[in-house]
PDB file of N, CA and C in Angstrom:
ATOM      1  N   UNK A   1     -37.993 -44.035  82.695  1.00  0.00           N
ATOM      2  CA  UNK A   1     -37.938 -44.959  81.567  1.00  0.00           C
ATOM      3  C   UNK A   1     -36.562 -45.630  81.520  1.00  0.00           C
ATOM      4  N   UNK A   2     -36.513 -46.706  80.796  1.00  0.00           N
ATOM      5  CA  UNK A   2     -35.293 -47.495  80.708  1.00  0.00           C
ATOM      6  C   UNK A   2     -34.436 -46.983  79.559  1.00  0.00           C
ATOM      7  N   UNK A   3     -33.132 -46.882  79.807  1.00  0.00           N
ATOM      8  CA  UNK A   3     -32.200 -46.486  78.768  1.00  0.00           C
ATOM      9  C   UNK A   3     -31.751 -47.723  78.006  1.00  0.00           C
ATOM     10  N   UNK A   4     -31.856 -47.672  76.684  1.00  0.00           N
ATOM     11  CA  UNK A   4     -31.369 -48.778  75.869  1.00  0.00           C
ATOM     12  C   UNK A   4     -30.817 -48.228  74.561  1.00  0.00           C
ATOM     13  N   UNK A   5     -30.074 -49.086  73.863  1.00  0.00           N
ATOM     14  CA  UNK A   5     -29.492 -48.699  72.579  1.00  0.00           C
ATOM     15  C   UNK A   5     -29.658 -49.850  71.599  1.00  0.00           C
ATOM     16  N   UNK A   6     -29.668 -49.508  70.323  1.00  0.00           N
ATOM     17  CA  UNK A   6     -29.637 -50.507  69.268  1.00  0.00           C
ATOM     18  C   UNK A   6     -28.284 -50.373  68.583  1.00  0.00           C
ATOM     19  N   UNK A   7     -27.527 -51.483  68.621  1.00  0.00           N
ATOM     20  CA  UNK A   7     -26.142 -51.507  68.156  1.00  0.00           C
ATOM     21  C   UNK A   7     -26.024 -52.513  67.022  1.00  0.00           C
ATOM     22  N   UNK A   8     -25.185 -52.192  66.020  1.00  0.00           N
ATOM     23  CA  UNK A   8     -24.941 -53.142  64.944  1.00  0.00           C
ATOM     24  C   UNK A   8     -23.510 -53.648  65.033  1.00  0.00           C
ATOM     25  N   UNK A   9     -23.357 -54.967  64.997  1.00  0.00           N
ATOM     26  CA  UNK A   9     -22.046 -55.604  64.935  1.00  0.00           C
ATOM     27  C   UNK A   9     -22.196 -56.957  64.268  1.00  0.00           C
ATOM     28  N   UNK A  10     -21.260 -57.305  63.438  1.00  0.00           N
ATOM     29  CA  UNK A  10     -21.322 -58.589  62.749  1.00  0.00           C
ATOM     30  C   UNK A  10     -22.479 -58.700  61.780  1.00  0.00           C
ATOM     31  N   UNK A  11     -22.968 -57.572  61.260  1.00  0.00           N
ATOM     32  CA  UNK A  11     -24.062 -57.599  60.299  1.00  0.00           C
ATOM     33  C   UNK A  11     -25.435 -57.784  60.927  1.00  0.00           C
ATOM     34  N   UNK A  12     -25.508 -57.756  62.260  1.00  0.00           N
ATOM     35  CA  UNK A  12     -26.788 -57.923  62.954  1.00  0.00           C
ATOM     36  C   UNK A  12     -26.983 -56.778  63.932  1.00  0.00           C
ATOM     37  N   UNK A  13     -28.235 -56.506  64.268  1.00  0.00           N
ATOM     38  CA  UNK A  13     -28.541 -55.437  65.215  1.00  0.00           C
ATOM     39  C   UNK A  13     -29.061 -56.036  66.518  1.00  0.00           C
ATOM     40  N   UNK A  14     -28.639 -55.434  67.642  1.00  0.00           N
ATOM     41  CA  UNK A  14     -29.004 -55.917  68.968  1.00  0.00           C
ATOM     42  C   UNK A  14     -29.543 -54.761  69.800  1.00  0.00           C
ATOM     43  N   UNK A  15     -30.621 -55.022  70.557  1.00  0.00           N
ATOM     44  CA  UNK A  15     -31.145 -54.042  71.505  1.00  0.00           C
ATOM     45  C   UNK A  15     -30.544 -54.384  72.862  1.00  0.00           C
ATOM     46  N   UNK A  16     -29.806 -53.438  73.460  1.00  0.00           N
ATOM     47  CA  UNK A  16     -29.079 -53.721  74.696  1.00  0.00           C
ATOM     48  C   UNK A  16     -29.374 -52.676  75.761  1.00  0.00           C
ATOM     49  N   UNK A  17     -29.424 -53.131  77.015  1.00  0.00           N
ATOM     50  CA  UNK A  17     -29.511 -52.288  78.199  1.00  0.00           C
ATOM     51  C   UNK A  17     -28.191 -52.418  78.950  1.00  0.00           C
ATOM     52  N   UNK A  18     -27.904 -51.519  79.869  1.00  0.00           N
ATOM     53  CA  UNK A  18     -26.728 -51.646  80.716  1.00  0.00           C
ATOM     54  C   UNK A  18     -26.882 -52.892  81.581  1.00  0.00           C
ATOM     55  N   UNK A  19     -25.847 -53.734  81.584  1.00  0.00           N
ATOM     56  CA  UNK A  19     -25.878 -54.971  82.359  1.00  0.00           C
ATOM     57  C   UNK A  19     -26.313 -56.186  81.561  1.00  0.00           C
ATOM     58  N   UNK A  20     -26.820 -55.999  80.344  1.00  0.00           N
ATOM     59  CA  UNK A  20     -27.250 -57.126  79.510  1.00  0.00           C
ATOM     60  C   UNK A  20     -26.059 -57.967  79.067  1.00  0.00           C
ATOM     61  N   UNK A  21     -26.284 -59.268  78.925  1.00  0.00           N
ATOM     62  CA  UNK A  21     -25.308 -60.160  78.332  1.00  0.00           C
ATOM     63  C   UNK A  21     -25.887 -60.657  77.009  1.00  0.00           C
ATOM     64  N   UNK A  22     -25.074 -60.614  75.957  1.00  0.00           N
ATOM     65  CA  UNK A  22     -25.559 -61.079  74.659  1.00  0.00           C
ATOM     66  C   UNK A  22     -24.408 -61.657  73.853  1.00  0.00           C
ATOM     67  N   UNK A  23     -24.759 -62.450  72.840  1.00  0.00           N
ATOM     68  CA  UNK A  23     -23.794 -63.187  72.029  1.00  0.00           C
ATOM     69  C   UNK A  23     -23.733 -62.579  70.637  1.00  0.00           C
ATOM     70  N   UNK A  24     -22.503 -62.289  70.160  1.00  0.00           N
ATOM     71  CA  UNK A  24     -22.301 -61.681  68.845  1.00  0.00           C
ATOM     72  C   UNK A  24     -21.326 -62.528  68.033  1.00  0.00           C
ATOM     73  N   UNK A  25     -21.194 -62.193  66.753  1.00  0.00           N
ATOM     74  CA  UNK A  25     -20.167 -62.807  65.929  1.00  0.00           C
ATOM     75  C   UNK A  25     -18.815 -62.512  66.572  1.00  0.00           C
ATOM     76  N   UNK A  26     -17.852 -63.370  66.357  1.00  0.00           N
ATOM     77  CA  UNK A  26     -16.573 -63.287  67.064  1.00  0.00           C
ATOM     78  C   UNK A  26     -15.894 -61.923  66.902  1.00  0.00           C
ATOM     79  N   UNK A  27     -15.366 -61.419  68.015  1.00  0.00           N
ATOM     80  CA  UNK A  27     -14.640 -60.153  68.055  1.00  0.00           C
ATOM     81  C   UNK A  27     -13.238 -60.413  68.595  1.00  0.00           C
ATOM     82  N   UNK A  28     -12.237 -59.655  68.149  1.00  0.00           N
ATOM     83  CA  UNK A  28     -10.892 -59.861  68.680  1.00  0.00           C
ATOM     84  C   UNK A  28     -10.810 -59.421  70.141  1.00  0.00           C
ATOM     85  N   UNK A  29     -10.087 -60.176  70.945  1.00  0.00           N
ATOM     86  CA  UNK A  29      -9.903 -59.821  72.347  1.00  0.00           C
ATOM     87  C   UNK A  29     -10.018 -61.040  73.241  1.00  0.00           C
ATOM     88  N   UNK A  30      -9.558 -60.886  74.489  1.00  0.00           N
ATOM     89  CA  UNK A  30      -9.594 -61.954  75.471  1.00  0.00           C
ATOM     90  C   UNK A  30     -10.639 -61.648  76.531  1.00  0.00           C
ATOM     91  N   UNK A  31     -10.896 -62.629  77.399  1.00  0.00           N
ATOM     92  CA  UNK A  31     -11.836 -62.422  78.494  1.00  0.00           C
ATOM     93  C   UNK A  31     -11.377 -61.263  79.360  1.00  0.00           C
ATOM     94  N   UNK A  32     -12.323 -60.403  79.738  1.00  0.00           N
ATOM     95  CA  UNK A  32     -12.006 -59.260  80.589  1.00  0.00           C
ATOM     96  C   UNK A  32     -11.681 -57.988  79.818  1.00  0.00           C
ATOM     97  N   UNK A  33     -11.397 -58.096  78.524  1.00  0.00           N
ATOM     98  CA  UNK A  33     -11.112 -56.908  77.709  1.00  0.00           C
ATOM     99  C   UNK A  33     -12.384 -56.102  77.497  1.00  0.00           C
ATOM    100  N   UNK A  34     -12.214 -54.783  77.331  1.00  0.00           N
ATOM    101  CA  UNK A  34     -13.344 -53.911  77.021  1.00  0.00           C
ATOM    102  C   UNK A  34     -13.389 -53.663  75.521  1.00  0.00           C
ATOM    103  N   UNK A  35     -14.597 -53.674  74.972  1.00  0.00           N
ATOM    104  CA  UNK A  35     -14.818 -53.451  73.552  1.00  0.00           C
ATOM    105  C   UNK A  35     -15.762 -52.268  73.406  1.00  0.00           C
ATOM    106  N   UNK A  36     -15.429 -51.350  72.497  1.00  0.00           N
ATOM    107  CA  UNK A  36     -16.316 -50.221  72.225  1.00  0.00           C
ATOM    108  C   UNK A  36     -17.053 -50.477  70.918  1.00  0.00           C
ATOM    109  N   UNK A  37     -18.370 -50.526  70.989  1.00  0.00           N
ATOM    110  CA  UNK A  37     -19.217 -50.686  69.809  1.00  0.00           C
ATOM    111  C   UNK A  37     -19.724 -49.290  69.453  1.00  0.00           C
ATOM    112  N   UNK A  38     -19.181 -48.720  68.380  1.00  0.00           N
ATOM    113  CA  UNK A  38     -19.525 -47.329  68.053  1.00  0.00           C
ATOM    114  C   UNK A  38     -20.503 -47.210  66.889  1.00  0.00           C
ATOM    115  N   UNK A  39     -21.020 -48.329  66.402  1.00  0.00           N
ATOM    116  CA  UNK A  39     -22.042 -48.295  65.358  1.00  0.00           C
ATOM    117  C   UNK A  39     -23.420 -48.356  66.037  1.00  0.00           C
ATOM    118  N   UNK A  40     -23.761 -47.255  66.735  1.00  0.00           N
ATOM    119  CA  UNK A  40     -25.008 -47.165  67.493  1.00  0.00           C
ATOM    120  C   UNK A  40     -26.075 -46.579  66.578  1.00  0.00           C
ATOM    121  N   UNK A  41     -27.156 -47.317  66.361  1.00  0.00           N
ATOM    122  CA  UNK A  41     -28.208 -46.896  65.442  1.00  0.00           C
ATOM    123  C   UNK A  41     -29.284 -46.059  66.127  1.00  0.00           C
ATOM    124  N   UNK A  42     -29.544 -46.328  67.416  1.00  0.00           N
ATOM    125  CA  UNK A  42     -30.603 -45.620  68.129  1.00  0.00           C
ATOM    126  C   UNK A  42     -30.317 -45.660  69.616  1.00  0.00           C
ATOM    127  N   UNK A  43     -30.677 -44.587  70.323  1.00  0.00           N
ATOM    128  CA  UNK A  43     -30.597 -44.555  71.780  1.00  0.00           C
ATOM    129  C   UNK A  43     -31.905 -44.006  72.319  1.00  0.00           C
ATOM    130  N   UNK A  44     -32.449 -44.682  73.324  1.00  0.00           N
ATOM    131  CA  UNK A  44     -33.635 -44.202  74.017  1.00  0.00           C
ATOM    132  C   UNK A  44     -33.226 -43.881  75.446  1.00  0.00           C
ATOM    133  N   UNK A  45     -33.430 -42.629  75.844  1.00  0.00           N
ATOM    134  CA  UNK A  45     -33.018 -42.169  77.165  1.00  0.00           C
ATOM    135  C   UNK A  45     -34.178 -41.407  77.798  1.00  0.00           C
ATOM    136  N   UNK A  46     -34.746 -41.944  78.861  1.00  0.00           N
ATOM    137  CA  UNK A  46     -35.871 -41.327  79.561  1.00  0.00           C
ATOM    138  C   UNK A  46     -37.042 -41.035  78.613  1.00  0.00           C
ATOM    139  N   UNK A  47     -37.322 -41.961  77.716  1.00  0.00           N
ATOM    140  CA  UNK A  47     -38.434 -41.806  76.794  1.00  0.00           C
ATOM    141  C   UNK A  47     -38.118 -40.940  75.585  1.00  0.00           C
ATOM    142  N   UNK A  48     -36.934 -40.337  75.546  1.00  0.00           N
ATOM    143  CA  UNK A  48     -36.528 -39.501  74.411  1.00  0.00           C
ATOM    144  C   UNK A  48     -35.676 -40.349  73.476  1.00  0.00           C
ATOM    145  N   UNK A  49     -36.087 -40.425  72.215  1.00  0.00           N
ATOM    146  CA  UNK A  49     -35.420 -41.295  71.253  1.00  0.00           C
ATOM    147  C   UNK A  49     -34.538 -40.473  70.335  1.00  0.00           C
ATOM    148  N   UNK A  50     -33.292 -40.941  70.149  1.00  0.00           N
ATOM    149  CA  UNK A  50     -32.363 -40.314  69.195  1.00  0.00           C
ATOM    150  C   UNK A  50     -32.048 -41.347  68.121  1.00  0.00           C
ATOM    151  N   UNK A  51     -32.346 -40.991  66.880  1.00  0.00           N
ATOM    152  CA  UNK A  51     -32.110 -41.879  65.749  1.00  0.00           C
ATOM    153  C   UNK A  51     -30.902 -41.417  64.962  1.00  0.00           C
ATOM    154  N   UNK A  52     -30.160 -42.360  64.432  1.00  0.00           N
ATOM    155  CA  UNK A  52     -29.021 -42.039  63.585  1.00  0.00           C
ATOM    156  C   UNK A  52     -29.374 -42.230  62.134  1.00  0.00           C
ATOM    157  N   UNK A  53     -28.552 -41.629  61.279  1.00  0.00           N
ATOM    158  CA  UNK A  53     -28.761 -41.839  59.851  1.00  0.00           C
ATOM    159  C   UNK A  53     -27.404 -42.003  59.162  1.00  0.00           C
ATOM    160  N   UNK A  54     -26.790 -43.155  59.103  1.00  0.00           N
ATOM    161  CA  UNK A  54     -27.289 -44.416  59.643  1.00  0.00           C
ATOM    162  C   UNK A  54     -26.912 -44.643  61.107  1.00  0.00           C
ATOM    163  N   UNK A  55     -25.919 -43.910  61.649  1.00  0.00           N
ATOM    164  CA  UNK A  55     -25.569 -44.107  63.053  1.00  0.00           C
ATOM    165  C   UNK A  55     -25.404 -42.760  63.744  1.00  0.00           C
ATOM    166  N   UNK A  56     -25.376 -42.772  65.075  1.00  0.00           N
ATOM    167  CA  UNK A  56     -25.294 -41.551  65.863  1.00  0.00           C
ATOM    168  C   UNK A  56     -23.828 -41.194  66.078  1.00  0.00           C
ATOM    169  N   UNK A  57     -23.444 -39.988  65.668  1.00  0.00           N
ATOM    170  CA  UNK A  57     -22.062 -39.527  65.829  1.00  0.00           C
ATOM    171  C   UNK A  57     -21.714 -39.388  67.306  1.00  0.00           C
ATOM    172  N   UNK A  58     -20.581 -39.956  67.704  1.00  0.00           N
ATOM    173  CA  UNK A  58     -20.097 -39.808  69.073  1.00  0.00           C
ATOM    174  C   UNK A  58     -20.709 -40.762  70.083  1.00  0.00           C
ATOM    175  N   UNK A  59     -21.724 -41.498  69.710  1.00  0.00           N
ATOM    176  CA  UNK A  59     -22.356 -42.443  70.642  1.00  0.00           C
ATOM    177  C   UNK A  59     -21.576 -43.749  70.639  1.00  0.00           C
ATOM    178  N   UNK A  60     -21.502 -44.397  71.807  1.00  0.00           N
ATOM    179  CA  UNK A  60     -20.829 -45.687  71.864  1.00  0.00           C
ATOM    180  C   UNK A  60     -21.385 -46.520  73.008  1.00  0.00           C
ATOM    181  N   UNK A  61     -21.272 -47.812  72.832  1.00  0.00           N
ATOM    182  CA  UNK A  61     -21.649 -48.770  73.862  1.00  0.00           C
ATOM    183  C   UNK A  61     -20.379 -49.502  74.256  1.00  0.00           C
ATOM    184  N   UNK A  62     -20.055 -49.466  75.537  1.00  0.00           N
ATOM    185  CA  UNK A  62     -18.873 -50.153  76.042  1.00  0.00           C
ATOM    186  C   UNK A  62     -19.312 -51.481  76.635  1.00  0.00           C
ATOM    187  N   UNK A  63     -18.624 -52.548  76.238  1.00  0.00           N
ATOM    188  CA  UNK A  63     -18.974 -53.885  76.706  1.00  0.00           C
ATOM    189  C   UNK A  63     -17.715 -54.637  77.102  1.00  0.00           C
ATOM    190  N   UNK A  64     -17.882 -55.559  78.034  1.00  0.00           N
ATOM    191  CA  UNK A  64     -16.775 -56.395  78.504  1.00  0.00           C
ATOM    192  C   UNK A  64     -16.932 -57.779  77.887  1.00  0.00           C
ATOM    193  N   UNK A  65     -15.827 -58.348  77.411  1.00  0.00           N
ATOM    194  CA  UNK A  65     -15.853 -59.703  76.867  1.00  0.00           C
ATOM    195  C   UNK A  65     -15.881 -60.676  78.036  1.00  0.00           C
ATOM    196  N   UNK A  66     -16.919 -61.509  78.095  1.00  0.00           N
ATOM    197  CA  UNK A  66     -17.011 -62.469  79.192  1.00  0.00           C
ATOM    198  C   UNK A  66     -16.745 -63.895  78.724  1.00  0.00           C
ATOM    199  N   UNK A  67     -16.542 -64.077  77.424  1.00  0.00           N
ATOM    200  CA  UNK A  67     -16.208 -65.416  76.940  1.00  0.00           C
ATOM    201  C   UNK A  67     -16.179 -65.501  75.432  1.00  0.00           C
ATOM    202  N   UNK A  68     -15.421 -66.477  74.944  1.00  0.00           N
ATOM    203  CA  UNK A  68     -15.366 -66.800  73.525  1.00  0.00           C
ATOM    204  C   UNK A  68     -15.667 -68.285  73.390  1.00  0.00           C
ATOM    205  N   UNK A  69     -16.176 -68.695  72.243  1.00  0.00           N
ATOM    206  CA  UNK A  69     -16.443 -70.114  72.070  1.00  0.00           C
ATOM    207  C   UNK A  69     -16.937 -70.427  70.684  1.00  0.00           C
ATOM    208  N   UNK A  70     -17.415 -71.663  70.541  1.00  0.00           N
ATOM    209  CA  UNK A  70     -17.987 -72.113  69.281  1.00  0.00           C
ATOM    210  C   UNK A  70     -19.376 -72.665  69.554  1.00  0.00           C
ATOM    211  N   UNK A  71     -20.291 -72.404  68.636  1.00  0.00           N
ATOM    212  CA  UNK A  71     -21.661 -72.898  68.760  1.00  0.00           C
ATOM    213  C   UNK A  71     -21.693 -74.396  68.469  1.00  0.00           C
ATOM    214  N   UNK A  72     -22.861 -75.004  68.665  1.00  0.00           N
ATOM    215  CA  UNK A  72     -23.016 -76.427  68.360  1.00  0.00           C
ATOM    216  C   UNK A  72     -22.795 -76.663  66.869  1.00  0.00           C
ATOM    217  N   UNK A  73     -22.369 -77.866  66.552  1.00  0.00           N
ATOM    218  CA  UNK A  73     -22.081 -78.201  65.165  1.00  0.00           C
ATOM    219  C   UNK A  73     -23.371 -78.297  64.348  1.00  0.00           C
ATOM    220  N   UNK A  74     -23.323 -77.722  63.170  1.00  0.00           N
ATOM    221  CA  UNK A  74     -24.413 -77.805  62.203  1.00  0.00           C
ATOM    222  C   UNK A  74     -23.933 -78.710  61.078  1.00  0.00           C
ATOM    223  N   UNK A  75     -24.721 -79.725  60.763  1.00  0.00           N
ATOM    224  CA  UNK A  75     -24.351 -80.658  59.701  1.00  0.00           C
ATOM    225  C   UNK A  75     -24.962 -80.192  58.385  1.00  0.00           C
ATOM    226  N   UNK A  76     -24.121 -80.085  57.367  1.00  0.00           N
ATOM    227  CA  UNK A  76     -24.572 -79.748  56.021  1.00  0.00           C
ATOM    228  C   UNK A  76     -24.482 -81.027  55.198  1.00  0.00           C
ATOM    229  N   UNK A  77     -25.614 -81.523  54.727  1.00  0.00           N
ATOM    230  CA  UNK A  77     -25.630 -82.771  53.967  1.00  0.00           C
ATOM    231  C   UNK A  77     -26.312 -82.528  52.630  1.00  0.00           C
ATOM    232  N   UNK A  78     -25.551 -82.720  51.550  1.00  0.00           N
ATOM    233  CA  UNK A  78     -26.094 -82.562  50.199  1.00  0.00           C
ATOM    234  C   UNK A  78     -26.276 -83.948  49.601  1.00  0.00           C
ATOM    235  N   UNK A  79     -27.392 -84.146  48.933  1.00  0.00           N
ATOM    236  CA  UNK A  79     -27.720 -85.468  48.413  1.00  0.00           C
ATOM    237  C   UNK A  79     -28.558 -85.325  47.151  1.00  0.00           C
ATOM    238  N   UNK A  80     -28.199 -86.102  46.143  1.00  0.00           N
ATOM    239  CA  UNK A  80     -29.028 -86.163  44.937  1.00  0.00           C
ATOM    240  C   UNK A  80     -29.373 -87.619  44.685  1.00  0.00           C
ATOM    241  N   UNK A  81     -30.634 -87.874  44.526  1.00  0.00           N
ATOM    242  CA  UNK A  81     -31.112 -89.245  44.363  1.00  0.00           C
ATOM    243  C   UNK A  81     -30.632 -89.845  43.045  1.00  0.00           C
ATOM    244  N   UNK A  82     -30.331 -91.122  43.064  1.00  0.00           N
ATOM    245  CA  UNK A  82     -30.035 -91.939  41.881  1.00  0.00           C
ATOM    246  C   UNK A  82     -28.748 -91.558  41.163  1.00  0.00           C
ATOM    247  N   UNK A  83     -27.903 -90.722  41.752  1.00  0.00           N
ATOM    248  CA  UNK A  83     -26.675 -90.318  41.056  1.00  0.00           C
ATOM    249  C   UNK A  83     -25.421 -90.576  41.879  1.00  0.00           C
ATOM    250  N   UNK A  84     -25.549 -91.222  43.020  1.00  0.00           N
ATOM    251  CA  UNK A  84     -24.428 -91.499  43.925  1.00  0.00           C
ATOM    252  C   UNK A  84     -23.720 -90.221  44.361  1.00  0.00           C
ATOM    253  N   UNK A  85     -24.460 -89.155  44.545  1.00  0.00           N
ATOM    254  CA  UNK A  85     -23.881 -87.879  44.973  1.00  0.00           C
ATOM    255  C   UNK A  85     -24.244 -87.610  46.427  1.00  0.00           C
ATOM    256  N   UNK A  86     -23.251 -87.586  47.300  1.00  0.00           N
ATOM    257  CA  UNK A  86     -23.448 -87.284  48.715  1.00  0.00           C
ATOM    258  C   UNK A  86     -22.266 -86.455  49.191  1.00  0.00           C
ATOM    259  N   UNK A  87     -22.542 -85.382  49.919  1.00  0.00           N
ATOM    260  CA  UNK A  87     -21.489 -84.565  50.527  1.00  0.00           C
ATOM    261  C   UNK A  87     -21.909 -84.249  51.957  1.00  0.00           C
ATOM    262  N   UNK A  88     -21.059 -84.574  52.900  1.00  0.00           N
ATOM    263  CA  UNK A  88     -21.348 -84.287  54.307  1.00  0.00           C
ATOM    264  C   UNK A  88     -20.277 -83.338  54.815  1.00  0.00           C
ATOM    265  N   UNK A  89     -20.743 -82.261  55.452  1.00  0.00           N
ATOM    266  CA  UNK A  89     -19.833 -81.235  55.939  1.00  0.00           C
ATOM    267  C   UNK A  89     -20.358 -80.737  57.275  1.00  0.00           C
ATOM    268  N   UNK A  90     -19.489 -80.239  58.116  1.00  0.00           N
ATOM    269  CA  UNK A  90     -19.898 -79.692  59.404  1.00  0.00           C
ATOM    270  C   UNK A  90     -19.360 -78.286  59.586  1.00  0.00           C
ATOM    271  N   UNK A  91     -20.026 -77.504  60.458  1.00  0.00           N
ATOM    272  CA  UNK A  91     -19.591 -76.126  60.704  1.00  0.00           C
ATOM    273  C   UNK A  91     -19.908 -75.743  62.138  1.00  0.00           C
ATOM    274  N   UNK A  92     -18.943 -75.112  62.815  1.00  0.00           N
ATOM    275  CA  UNK A  92     -19.169 -74.564  64.152  1.00  0.00           C
ATOM    276  C   UNK A  92     -18.847 -73.077  64.103  1.00  0.00           C
ATOM    277  N   UNK A  93     -19.842 -72.247  64.330  1.00  0.00           N
ATOM    278  CA  UNK A  93     -19.694 -70.801  64.232  1.00  0.00           C
ATOM    279  C   UNK A  93     -19.041 -70.249  65.501  1.00  0.00           C
ATOM    280  N   UNK A  94     -17.933 -69.509  65.379  1.00  0.00           N
ATOM    281  CA  UNK A  94     -17.332 -68.894  66.573  1.00  0.00           C
ATOM    282  C   UNK A  94     -18.156 -67.690  67.035  1.00  0.00           C
ATOM    283  N   UNK A  95     -18.158 -67.450  68.357  1.00  0.00           N
ATOM    284  CA  UNK A  95     -18.923 -66.343  68.913  1.00  0.00           C
ATOM    285  C   UNK A  95     -18.167 -65.706  70.070  1.00  0.00           C
ATOM    286  N   UNK A  96     -18.639 -64.525  70.480  1.00  0.00           N
ATOM    287  CA  UNK A  96     -18.122 -63.817  71.644  1.00  0.00           C
ATOM    288  C   UNK A  96     -19.309 -63.404  72.500  1.00  0.00           C
ATOM    289  N   UNK A  97     -19.229 -63.673  73.798  1.00  0.00           N
ATOM    290  CA  UNK A  97     -20.256 -63.233  74.739  1.00  0.00           C
ATOM    291  C   UNK A  97     -19.830 -61.904  75.338  1.00  0.00           C
ATOM    292  N   UNK A  98     -20.750 -60.937  75.359  1.00  0.00           N
ATOM    293  CA  UNK A  98     -20.467 -59.586  75.876  1.00  0.00           C
ATOM    294  C   UNK A  98     -21.409 -59.225  77.011  1.00  0.00           C
ATOM    295  N   UNK A  99     -20.925 -58.372  77.916  1.00  0.00           N
ATOM    296  CA  UNK A  99     -21.756 -57.773  78.963  1.00  0.00           C
ATOM    297  C   UNK A  99     -21.638 -56.260  78.829  1.00  0.00           C
ATOM    298  N   UNK A 100     -22.769 -55.570  78.672  1.00  0.00           N
ATOM    299  CA  UNK A 100     -22.770 -54.122  78.473  1.00  0.00           C
ATOM    300  C   UNK A 100     -22.456 -53.431  79.807  1.00  0.00           C
ATOM    301  N   UNK A 101     -21.452 -52.551  79.783  1.00  0.00           N
ATOM    302  CA  UNK A 101     -21.081 -51.819  80.988  1.00  0.00           C
ATOM    303  C   UNK A 101     -21.532 -50.363  80.943  1.00  0.00           C
ATOM    304  N   UNK A 102     -21.631 -49.793  79.726  1.00  0.00           N
ATOM    305  CA  UNK A 102     -21.978 -48.362  79.640  1.00  0.00           C
ATOM    306  C   UNK A 102     -22.566 -48.038  78.281  1.00  0.00           C
ATOM    307  N   UNK A 103     -23.569 -47.151  78.280  1.00  0.00           N
ATOM    308  CA  UNK A 103     -24.136 -46.592  77.053  1.00  0.00           C
ATOM    309  C   UNK A 103     -23.970 -45.088  77.149  1.00  0.00           C
ATOM    310  N   UNK A 104     -23.247 -44.497  76.192  1.00  0.00           N
ATOM    311  CA  UNK A 104     -22.980 -43.058  76.304  1.00  0.00           C
ATOM    312  C   UNK A 104     -23.154 -42.344  74.973  1.00  0.00           C
ATOM    313  N   UNK A 105     -23.528 -41.072  75.077  1.00  0.00           N
ATOM    314  CA  UNK A 105     -23.629 -40.196  73.915  1.00  0.00           C
ATOM    315  C   UNK A 105     -22.338 -39.413  73.799  1.00  0.00           C
TER     316      UNK A 105
END
């Protein structure tokens, strides 16, 4: 069976395997740095599932930072008819791309 973990970071949960690349809310660090995600909610190893309440003590997922950036711009436009009210705003969410190197208990 495939080993995978469910990790929480940035208020979201991700299902990751070793070697997976995924995008999370921005994390401190530069390209090539290793990051330890220790808020592991679940690990499945050879069909055996370990659940945390809320997380598993001592479990961690090690990932390498492969890039930082900003997402595409999202336009926020507020408008009210007949009152001359218009507000235009833009937002680019920063992110970090990670590659999972190790899942350990």
